[in-house]
Amino acid sequence: MLLALGPFEHVIVSVLHLFSGWTHGAAITGGDVARVAAIALVGNLIGGVGLVTLSHAAQAKGK
């Protein structure tokens, strides 16, 4: 659901988009894939940890 709220994508989706472009003739290098995957992975880790931390904090506060 949150993926639709902004220009943020899951790391797997980002890499699949690049792979799709590459298979259709786009000029995509291994460096492009690595860079996009690294940026998306860091964002996913920060976002995931943040969401889990907030949800656990809210649950703990409610008890």
PDB file of N, CA and C in Angstrom:
ATOM      1  N   MET A   1       0.822  -1.189   0.000  1.00  0.00           N
ATOM      2  CA  MET A   1       0.000   0.000   0.000  1.00  0.00           C
ATOM      3  C   MET A   1       0.868   1.256   0.000  1.00  0.00           C
ATOM      4  N   LEU A   2       1.886   1.304   0.827  1.00  0.00           N
ATOM      5  CA  LEU A   2       2.714   2.501   0.919  1.00  0.00           C
ATOM      6  C   LEU A   2       3.519   2.750  -0.349  1.00  0.00           C
ATOM      7  N   LEU A   3       3.751   1.704  -1.148  1.00  0.00           N
ATOM      8  CA  LEU A   3       4.500   1.896  -2.389  1.00  0.00           C
ATOM      9  C   LEU A   3       3.774   2.845  -3.328  1.00  0.00           C
ATOM     10  N   ALA A   4       2.458   2.905  -3.229  1.00  0.00           N
ATOM     11  CA  ALA A   4       1.670   3.759  -4.120  1.00  0.00           C
ATOM     12  C   ALA A   4       1.651   5.218  -3.669  1.00  0.00           C
ATOM     13  N   LEU A   5       2.157   5.522  -2.492  1.00  0.00           N
ATOM     14  CA  LEU A   5       2.086   6.881  -1.967  1.00  0.00           C
ATOM     15  C   LEU A   5       3.163   7.812  -2.504  1.00  0.00           C
ATOM     16  N   GLY A   6       4.157   7.279  -3.143  1.00  0.00           N
ATOM     17  CA  GLY A   6       5.235   8.134  -3.640  1.00  0.00           C
ATOM     18  C   GLY A   6       6.053   7.428  -4.694  1.00  0.00           C
ATOM     19  N   PRO A   7       7.156   8.036  -5.080  1.00  0.00           N
ATOM     20  CA  PRO A   7       7.994   7.447  -6.124  1.00  0.00           C
ATOM     21  C   PRO A   7       8.947   6.384  -5.568  1.00  0.00           C
ATOM     22  N   PHE A   8       8.586   5.770  -4.455  1.00  0.00           N
ATOM     23  CA  PHE A   8       9.457   4.796  -3.816  1.00  0.00           C
ATOM     24  C   PHE A   8       9.093   3.400  -4.292  1.00  0.00           C
ATOM     25  N   GLU A   9      10.100   2.581  -4.508  1.00  0.00           N
ATOM     26  CA  GLU A   9       9.853   1.223  -4.962  1.00  0.00           C
ATOM     27  C   GLU A   9      10.643   0.242  -4.117  1.00  0.00           C
ATOM     28  N   HIS A  10      10.165  -0.963  -4.100  1.00  0.00           N
ATOM     29  CA  HIS A  10      10.874  -2.040  -3.441  1.00  0.00           C
ATOM     30  C   HIS A  10      12.092  -2.391  -4.283  1.00  0.00           C
ATOM     31  N   VAL A  11      13.155  -2.808  -3.646  1.00  0.00           N
ATOM     32  CA  VAL A  11      14.407  -3.094  -4.351  1.00  0.00           C
ATOM     33  C   VAL A  11      14.203  -4.144  -5.443  1.00  0.00           C
ATOM     34  N   ILE A  12      13.384  -5.153  -5.195  1.00  0.00           N
ATOM     35  CA  ILE A  12      13.146  -6.193  -6.201  1.00  0.00           C
ATOM     36  C   ILE A  12      12.428  -5.609  -7.406  1.00  0.00           C
ATOM     37  N   VAL A  13      11.437  -4.758  -7.173  1.00  0.00           N
ATOM     38  CA  VAL A  13      10.702  -4.125  -8.272  1.00  0.00           C
ATOM     39  C   VAL A  13      11.637  -3.255  -9.103  1.00  0.00           C
ATOM     40  N   SER A  14      12.503  -2.512  -8.448  1.00  0.00           N
ATOM     41  CA  SER A  14      13.443  -1.642  -9.159  1.00  0.00           C
ATOM     42  C   SER A  14      14.370  -2.445 -10.064  1.00  0.00           C
ATOM     43  N   VAL A  15      14.914  -3.526  -9.539  1.00  0.00           N
ATOM     44  CA  VAL A  15      15.822  -4.355 -10.328  1.00  0.00           C
ATOM     45  C   VAL A  15      15.068  -5.026 -11.474  1.00  0.00           C
ATOM     46  N   LEU A  16      13.845  -5.461 -11.236  1.00  0.00           N
ATOM     47  CA  LEU A  16      13.048  -6.064 -12.316  1.00  0.00           C
ATOM     48  C   LEU A  16      12.733  -5.049 -13.412  1.00  0.00           C
ATOM     49  N   HIS A  17      12.481  -3.803 -13.047  1.00  0.00           N
ATOM     50  CA  HIS A  17      12.265  -2.758 -14.056  1.00  0.00           C
ATOM     51  C   HIS A  17      13.509  -2.581 -14.915  1.00  0.00           C
ATOM     52  N   LEU A  18      14.667  -2.543 -14.286  1.00  0.00           N
ATOM     53  CA  LEU A  18      15.916  -2.413 -15.038  1.00  0.00           C
ATOM     54  C   LEU A  18      16.138  -3.623 -15.940  1.00  0.00           C
ATOM     55  N   PHE A  19      15.888  -4.811 -15.422  1.00  0.00           N
ATOM     56  CA  PHE A  19      16.060  -6.022 -16.225  1.00  0.00           C
ATOM     57  C   PHE A  19      15.123  -6.011 -17.426  1.00  0.00           C
ATOM     58  N   SER A  20      13.892  -5.581 -17.199  1.00  0.00           N
ATOM     59  CA  SER A  20      12.927  -5.484 -18.299  1.00  0.00           C
ATOM     60  C   SER A  20      13.409  -4.499 -19.360  1.00  0.00           C
ATOM     61  N   GLY A  21      13.901  -3.364 -18.929  1.00  0.00           N
ATOM     62  CA  GLY A  21      14.434  -2.390 -19.876  1.00  0.00           C
ATOM     63  C   GLY A  21      15.620  -2.937 -20.644  1.00  0.00           C
ATOM     64  N   TRP A  22      16.505  -3.647 -19.936  1.00  0.00           N
ATOM     65  CA  TRP A  22      17.686  -4.231 -20.574  1.00  0.00           C
ATOM     66  C   TRP A  22      17.286  -5.260 -21.626  1.00  0.00           C
ATOM     67  N   THR A  23      16.281  -6.094 -21.304  1.00  0.00           N
ATOM     68  CA  THR A  23      15.845  -7.109 -22.268  1.00  0.00           C
ATOM     69  C   THR A  23      15.164  -6.492 -23.480  1.00  0.00           C
ATOM     70  N   HIS A  24      14.713  -5.258 -23.360  1.00  0.00           N
ATOM     71  CA  HIS A  24      14.074  -4.567 -24.486  1.00  0.00           C
ATOM     72  C   HIS A  24      15.011  -3.571 -25.160  1.00  0.00           C
ATOM     73  N   GLY A  25      16.309  -3.687 -24.889  1.00  0.00           N
ATOM     74  CA  GLY A  25      17.291  -2.906 -25.624  1.00  0.00           C
ATOM     75  C   GLY A  25      17.765  -1.614 -24.995  1.00  0.00           C
ATOM     76  N   ALA A  26      17.383  -1.332 -23.766  1.00  0.00           N
ATOM     77  CA  ALA A  26      17.855  -0.105 -23.108  1.00  0.00           C
ATOM     78  C   ALA A  26      19.342  -0.237 -22.784  1.00  0.00           C
ATOM     79  N   ALA A  27      20.022   0.880 -22.792  1.00  0.00           N
ATOM     80  CA  ALA A  27      21.460   0.899 -22.499  1.00  0.00           C
ATOM     81  C   ALA A  27      21.679   0.905 -20.990  1.00  0.00           C
ATOM     82  N   ILE A  28      21.567  -0.266 -20.377  1.00  0.00           N
ATOM     83  CA  ILE A  28      21.696  -0.410 -18.927  1.00  0.00           C
ATOM     84  C   ILE A  28      22.924  -1.258 -18.640  1.00  0.00           C
ATOM     85  N   THR A  29      23.762  -0.782 -17.751  1.00  0.00           N
ATOM     86  CA  THR A  29      24.984  -1.508 -17.393  1.00  0.00           C
ATOM     87  C   THR A  29      24.827  -2.177 -16.030  1.00  0.00           C
ATOM     88  N   GLY A  30      25.775  -3.036 -15.714  1.00  0.00           N
ATOM     89  CA  GLY A  30      25.785  -3.659 -14.393  1.00  0.00           C
ATOM     90  C   GLY A  30      25.930  -2.628 -13.295  1.00  0.00           C
ATOM     91  N   GLY A  31      26.673  -1.557 -13.587  1.00  0.00           N
ATOM     92  CA  GLY A  31      26.819  -0.474 -12.616  1.00  0.00           C
ATOM     93  C   GLY A  31      25.503   0.227 -12.341  1.00  0.00           C
ATOM     94  N   ASP A  32      24.686   0.388 -13.383  1.00  0.00           N
ATOM     95  CA  ASP A  32      23.361   0.995 -13.205  1.00  0.00           C
ATOM     96  C   ASP A  32      22.507   0.140 -12.276  1.00  0.00           C
ATOM     97  N   VAL A  33      22.522  -1.166 -12.516  1.00  0.00           N
ATOM     98  CA  VAL A  33      21.733  -2.085 -11.689  1.00  0.00           C
ATOM     99  C   VAL A  33      22.224  -2.045 -10.245  1.00  0.00           C
ATOM    100  N   ALA A  34      23.541  -2.089 -10.059  1.00  0.00           N
ATOM    101  CA  ALA A  34      24.104  -2.071  -8.705  1.00  0.00           C
ATOM    102  C   ALA A  34      23.758  -0.776  -7.977  1.00  0.00           C
ATOM    103  N   ARG A  35      23.857   0.353  -8.661  1.00  0.00           N
ATOM    104  CA  ARG A  35      23.575   1.652  -8.035  1.00  0.00           C
ATOM    105  C   ARG A  35      22.104   1.749  -7.619  1.00  0.00           C
ATOM    106  N   VAL A  36      21.203   1.409  -8.530  1.00  0.00           N
ATOM    107  CA  VAL A  36      19.771   1.492  -8.218  1.00  0.00           C
ATOM    108  C   VAL A  36      19.403   0.499  -7.116  1.00  0.00           C
ATOM    109  N   ALA A  37      19.953  -0.709  -7.190  1.00  0.00           N
ATOM    110  CA  ALA A  37      19.659  -1.713  -6.169  1.00  0.00           C
ATOM    111  C   ALA A  37      20.164  -1.264  -4.803  1.00  0.00           C
ATOM    112  N   ALA A  38      21.354  -0.679  -4.751  1.00  0.00           N
ATOM    113  CA  ALA A  38      21.905  -0.220  -3.471  1.00  0.00           C
ATOM    114  C   ALA A  38      21.061   0.899  -2.870  1.00  0.00           C
ATOM    115  N   ILE A  39      20.677   1.860  -3.694  1.00  0.00           N
ATOM    116  CA  ILE A  39      19.857   2.977  -3.203  1.00  0.00           C
ATOM    117  C   ILE A  39      18.505   2.474  -2.717  1.00  0.00           C
ATOM    118  N   ALA A  40      17.866   1.605  -3.499  1.00  0.00           N
ATOM    119  CA  ALA A  40      16.556   1.075  -3.107  1.00  0.00           C
ATOM    120  C   ALA A  40      16.671   0.207  -1.861  1.00  0.00           C
ATOM    121  N   LEU A  41      17.738  -0.582  -1.755  1.00  0.00           N
ATOM    122  CA  LEU A  41      17.922  -1.442  -0.591  1.00  0.00           C
ATOM    123  C   LEU A  41      18.093  -0.622   0.683  1.00  0.00           C
ATOM    124  N   VAL A  42      18.904   0.416   0.620  1.00  0.00           N
ATOM    125  CA  VAL A  42      19.095   1.281   1.790  1.00  0.00           C
ATOM    126  C   VAL A  42      17.766   1.926   2.185  1.00  0.00           C
ATOM    127  N   GLY A  43      17.033   2.416   1.208  1.00  0.00           N
ATOM    128  CA  GLY A  43      15.724   3.013   1.490  1.00  0.00           C
ATOM    129  C   GLY A  43      14.753   2.016   2.086  1.00  0.00           C
ATOM    130  N   ASN A  44      14.753   0.781   1.551  1.00  0.00           N
ATOM    131  CA  ASN A  44      13.876  -0.259   2.082  1.00  0.00           C
ATOM    132  C   ASN A  44      14.247  -0.618   3.514  1.00  0.00           C
ATOM    133  N   LEU A  45      15.542  -0.695   3.793  1.00  0.00           N
ATOM    134  CA  LEU A  45      15.982  -1.020   5.155  1.00  0.00           C
ATOM    135  C   LEU A  45      15.601   0.079   6.137  1.00  0.00           C
ATOM    136  N   ILE A  46      15.854   1.320   5.768  1.00  0.00           N
ATOM    137  CA  ILE A  46      15.509   2.446   6.644  1.00  0.00           C
ATOM    138  C   ILE A  46      13.996   2.514   6.845  1.00  0.00           C
ATOM    139  N   GLY A  47      13.258   2.429   5.770  1.00  0.00           N
ATOM    140  CA  GLY A  47      11.799   2.488   5.865  1.00  0.00           C
ATOM    141  C   GLY A  47      11.220   1.319   6.634  1.00  0.00           C
ATOM    142  N   GLY A  48      11.719   0.125   6.365  1.00  0.00           N
ATOM    143  CA  GLY A  48      11.215  -1.063   7.050  1.00  0.00           C
ATOM    144  C   GLY A  48      11.503  -1.034   8.535  1.00  0.00           C
ATOM    145  N   VAL A  49      12.732  -0.696   8.888  1.00  0.00           N
ATOM    146  CA  VAL A  49      13.090  -0.612  10.307  1.00  0.00           C
ATOM    147  C   VAL A  49      12.272   0.483  10.985  1.00  0.00           C
ATOM    148  N   GLY A  50      12.105   1.614  10.309  1.00  0.00           N
ATOM    149  CA  GLY A  50      11.312   2.708  10.872  1.00  0.00           C
ATOM    150  C   GLY A  50       9.866   2.310  11.104  1.00  0.00           C
ATOM    151  N   LEU A  51       9.258   1.657  10.114  1.00  0.00           N
ATOM    152  CA  LEU A  51       7.858   1.241  10.261  1.00  0.00           C
ATOM    153  C   LEU A  51       7.695   0.192  11.354  1.00  0.00           C
ATOM    154  N   VAL A  52       8.601  -0.764  11.408  1.00  0.00           N
ATOM    155  CA  VAL A  52       8.521  -1.799  12.441  1.00  0.00           C
ATOM    156  C   VAL A  52       8.727  -1.190  13.820  1.00  0.00           C
ATOM    157  N   THR A  53       9.686  -0.296  13.944  1.00  0.00           N
ATOM    158  CA  THR A  53       9.942   0.359  15.231  1.00  0.00           C
ATOM    159  C   THR A  53       8.725   1.160  15.684  1.00  0.00           C
ATOM    160  N   LEU A  54       8.145   1.926  14.769  1.00  0.00           N
ATOM    161  CA  LEU A  54       6.959   2.714  15.129  1.00  0.00           C
ATOM    162  C   LEU A  54       5.784   1.830  15.513  1.00  0.00           C
ATOM    163  N   SER A  55       5.561   0.750  14.773  1.00  0.00           N
ATOM    164  CA  SER A  55       4.426  -0.118  15.093  1.00  0.00           C
ATOM    165  C   SER A  55       4.640  -0.829  16.429  1.00  0.00           C
ATOM    166  N   HIS A  56       5.864  -1.257  16.713  1.00  0.00           N
ATOM    167  CA  HIS A  56       6.139  -1.898  18.002  1.00  0.00           C
ATOM    168  C   HIS A  56       6.028  -0.896  19.144  1.00  0.00           C
ATOM    169  N   ALA A  57       6.481   0.324  18.917  1.00  0.00           N
ATOM    170  CA  ALA A  57       6.371   1.354  19.954  1.00  0.00           C
ATOM    171  C   ALA A  57       4.904   1.665  20.238  1.00  0.00           C
ATOM    172  N   ALA A  58       4.096   1.730  19.200  1.00  0.00           N
ATOM    173  CA  ALA A  58       2.666   2.001  19.384  1.00  0.00           C
ATOM    174  C   ALA A  58       1.988   0.859  20.128  1.00  0.00           C
ATOM    175  N   GLN A  59       2.370  -0.371  19.808  1.00  0.00           N
ATOM    176  CA  GLN A  59       1.793  -1.521  20.504  1.00  0.00           C
ATOM    177  C   GLN A  59       2.204  -1.531  21.972  1.00  0.00           C
ATOM    178  N   ALA A  60       3.461  -1.234  22.243  1.00  0.00           N
ATOM    179  CA  ALA A  60       3.952  -1.232  23.625  1.00  0.00           C
ATOM    180  C   ALA A  60       3.299  -0.118  24.434  1.00  0.00           C
ATOM    181  N   LYS A  61       3.092   1.025  23.798  1.00  0.00           N
ATOM    182  CA  LYS A  61       2.475   2.156  24.489  1.00  0.00           C
ATOM    183  C   LYS A  61       1.013   1.865  24.803  1.00  0.00           C
ATOM    184  N   GLY A  62       0.355   1.082  23.956  1.00  0.00           N
ATOM    185  CA  GLY A  62      -1.055   0.774  24.145  1.00  0.00           C
ATOM    186  C   GLY A  62      -1.318  -0.224  25.256  1.00  0.00           C
ATOM    187  N   LYS A  63      -0.288  -0.932  25.698  1.00  0.00           N
ATOM    188  CA  LYS A  63      -0.489  -1.957  26.740  1.00  0.00           C
ATOM    189  C   LYS A  63      -0.504  -1.374  28.118  1.00  0.00           C
TER     190      LYS A  63
END
